[in-house]
Amino acid sequence: MLHGPGGEITIYYETVCCGVVIPESWSYCPECGKKLESDDKKKTEKFFDEFATAFICDKCMNSVHFDHNYCGNCGNKMYLK
């Protein structure tokens, strides 16, 4: 658990499939594109850099990290690499 800029508690998860740190709200693994169920991610103390984004998903307009293959919000395949 980390505290956000406004003091709110932010919870991050790590995907079981690829070990990628994601925000609580994401439904897809940004590395492999797998639809995540509750047992596919575990709480973590690792940091998620929300400001390291480089692209916008053309399907849902969510920000996508430059090193991710899929949008973590909607699962759209990113053709960035």
C-alpha atoms as a PDB file:
ATOM      1  CA  MET A   1       0.000   0.000   0.000  1.00  0.00           C
ATOM      2  CA  LEU A   2       1.303   3.415  -0.929  1.00  0.00           C
ATOM      3  CA  HIS A   3      -0.094   6.874  -0.390  1.00  0.00           C
ATOM      4  CA  GLY A   4      -1.035   8.879  -3.455  1.00  0.00           C
ATOM      5  CA  PRO A   5      -0.413  12.605  -3.988  1.00  0.00           C
ATOM      6  CA  GLY A   6      -3.586  13.538  -2.091  1.00  0.00           C
ATOM      7  CA  GLY A   7      -2.780  11.220   0.820  1.00  0.00           C
ATOM      8  CA  GLU A   8      -5.174   8.521  -0.364  1.00  0.00           C
ATOM      9  CA  ILE A   9      -4.137   4.898  -0.001  1.00  0.00           C
ATOM     10  CA  THR A  10      -3.254   3.282  -3.317  1.00  0.00           C
ATOM     11  CA  ILE A  11      -3.202  -0.502  -3.641  1.00  0.00           C
ATOM     12  CA  TYR A  12      -1.149  -2.173  -6.344  1.00  0.00           C
ATOM     13  CA  TYR A  13      -1.207  -5.739  -7.566  1.00  0.00           C
ATOM     14  CA  GLU A  14       1.287  -8.038  -9.223  1.00  0.00           C
ATOM     15  CA  THR A  15       0.017 -10.353 -11.948  1.00  0.00           C
ATOM     16  CA  VAL A  16       0.571 -14.050 -11.258  1.00  0.00           C
ATOM     17  CA  CYS A  17       1.117 -14.833 -14.951  1.00  0.00           C
ATOM     18  CA  CYS A  18       3.916 -12.319 -15.724  1.00  0.00           C
ATOM     19  CA  GLY A  19       4.839 -10.583 -12.459  1.00  0.00           C
ATOM     20  CA  VAL A  20       3.882  -7.124 -13.740  1.00  0.00           C
ATOM     21  CA  VAL A  21       2.850  -4.475 -11.183  1.00  0.00           C
ATOM     22  CA  ILE A  22      -0.530  -2.922 -12.019  1.00  0.00           C
ATOM     23  CA  PRO A  23      -3.113  -0.613 -10.444  1.00  0.00           C
ATOM     24  CA  GLU A  24      -6.078  -2.228  -8.722  1.00  0.00           C
ATOM     25  CA  SER A  25      -8.506  -1.192 -11.488  1.00  0.00           C
ATOM     26  CA  TRP A  26      -6.771  -2.969 -14.401  1.00  0.00           C
ATOM     27  CA  SER A  27      -8.489  -6.089 -15.754  1.00  0.00           C
ATOM     28  CA  TYR A  28      -5.836  -7.348 -18.200  1.00  0.00           C
ATOM     29  CA  CYS A  29      -2.169  -8.236 -17.900  1.00  0.00           C
ATOM     30  CA  PRO A  30      -0.243  -5.605 -19.872  1.00  0.00           C
ATOM     31  CA  GLU A  31       2.494  -8.116 -20.725  1.00  0.00           C
ATOM     32  CA  CYS A  32       0.544 -11.112 -22.112  1.00  0.00           C
ATOM     33  CA  GLY A  33      -3.004  -9.733 -22.462  1.00  0.00           C
ATOM     34  CA  LYS A  34      -4.643 -12.322 -20.195  1.00  0.00           C
ATOM     35  CA  LYS A  35      -8.032 -11.341 -18.705  1.00  0.00           C
ATOM     36  CA  LEU A  36      -7.348 -11.184 -14.970  1.00  0.00           C
ATOM     37  CA  GLU A  37      -9.656 -12.733 -12.408  1.00  0.00           C
ATOM     38  CA  SER A  38      -9.262 -12.002  -8.698  1.00  0.00           C
ATOM     39  CA  ASP A  39      -6.935 -14.987  -8.136  1.00  0.00           C
ATOM     40  CA  ASP A  40      -4.696 -13.916 -11.059  1.00  0.00           C
ATOM     41  CA  LYS A  41      -3.287 -10.940  -9.164  1.00  0.00           C
ATOM     42  CA  LYS A  42      -1.884 -10.487  -5.672  1.00  0.00           C
ATOM     43  CA  LYS A  43      -1.365  -7.376  -3.545  1.00  0.00           C
ATOM     44  CA  THR A  44       2.164  -6.039  -3.573  1.00  0.00           C
ATOM     45  CA  GLU A  45       4.257  -3.345  -1.951  1.00  0.00           C
ATOM     46  CA  LYS A  46       6.080  -2.803  -5.253  1.00  0.00           C
ATOM     47  CA  PHE A  47       5.781   0.580  -6.915  1.00  0.00           C
ATOM     48  CA  PHE A  48       3.795   1.279 -10.075  1.00  0.00           C
ATOM     49  CA  ASP A  49       5.032   4.367 -11.897  1.00  0.00           C
ATOM     50  CA  GLU A  50       1.851   5.944 -13.220  1.00  0.00           C
ATOM     51  CA  PHE A  51       3.830   8.705 -14.922  1.00  0.00           C
ATOM     52  CA  ALA A  52       5.984   6.434 -17.114  1.00  0.00           C
ATOM     53  CA  THR A  53       3.343   6.231 -19.821  1.00  0.00           C
ATOM     54  CA  ALA A  54       4.201   6.938 -23.408  1.00  0.00           C
ATOM     55  CA  PHE A  55       1.116   5.980 -25.410  1.00  0.00           C
ATOM     56  CA  ILE A  56      -2.662   6.228 -25.326  1.00  0.00           C
ATOM     57  CA  CYS A  57      -4.791   3.178 -26.142  1.00  0.00           C
ATOM     58  CA  ASP A  58      -6.826   3.940 -29.259  1.00  0.00           C
ATOM     59  CA  LYS A  59      -9.667   1.719 -28.012  1.00  0.00           C
ATOM     60  CA  CYS A  60     -10.291   3.060 -24.467  1.00  0.00           C
ATOM     61  CA  MET A  61      -7.972   6.106 -24.255  1.00  0.00           C
ATOM     62  CA  ASN A  62      -6.196   4.669 -21.183  1.00  0.00           C
ATOM     63  CA  SER A  63      -2.520   5.538 -20.801  1.00  0.00           C
ATOM     64  CA  VAL A  64      -0.169   2.650 -21.602  1.00  0.00           C
ATOM     65  CA  HIS A  65       3.424   2.210 -20.427  1.00  0.00           C
ATOM     66  CA  PHE A  66       5.957   2.223 -23.229  1.00  0.00           C
ATOM     67  CA  ASP A  67       7.105  -1.323 -22.383  1.00  0.00           C
ATOM     68  CA  HIS A  68       3.664  -2.998 -22.179  1.00  0.00           C
ATOM     69  CA  ASN A  69       2.262  -5.136 -24.980  1.00  0.00           C
ATOM     70  CA  TYR A  70      -1.412  -4.765 -24.031  1.00  0.00           C
ATOM     71  CA  CYS A  71      -3.628  -2.097 -22.514  1.00  0.00           C
ATOM     72  CA  GLY A  72      -4.183  -3.036 -18.868  1.00  0.00           C
ATOM     73  CA  ASN A  73      -7.625  -1.466 -18.904  1.00  0.00           C
ATOM     74  CA  CYS A  74      -9.256  -3.085 -21.968  1.00  0.00           C
ATOM     75  CA  GLY A  75      -6.773  -5.703 -23.230  1.00  0.00           C
ATOM     76  CA  ASN A  76      -6.197  -4.040 -26.600  1.00  0.00           C
ATOM     77  CA  LYS A  77      -2.980  -5.238 -28.290  1.00  0.00           C
ATOM     78  CA  MET A  78      -0.471  -2.411 -28.529  1.00  0.00           C
ATOM     79  CA  TYR A  79       1.701  -2.475 -31.653  1.00  0.00           C
ATOM     80  CA  LEU A  80       4.504  -0.387 -30.194  1.00  0.00           C
ATOM     81  CA  LYS A  81       7.537  -2.648 -30.361  1.00  0.00           C
END
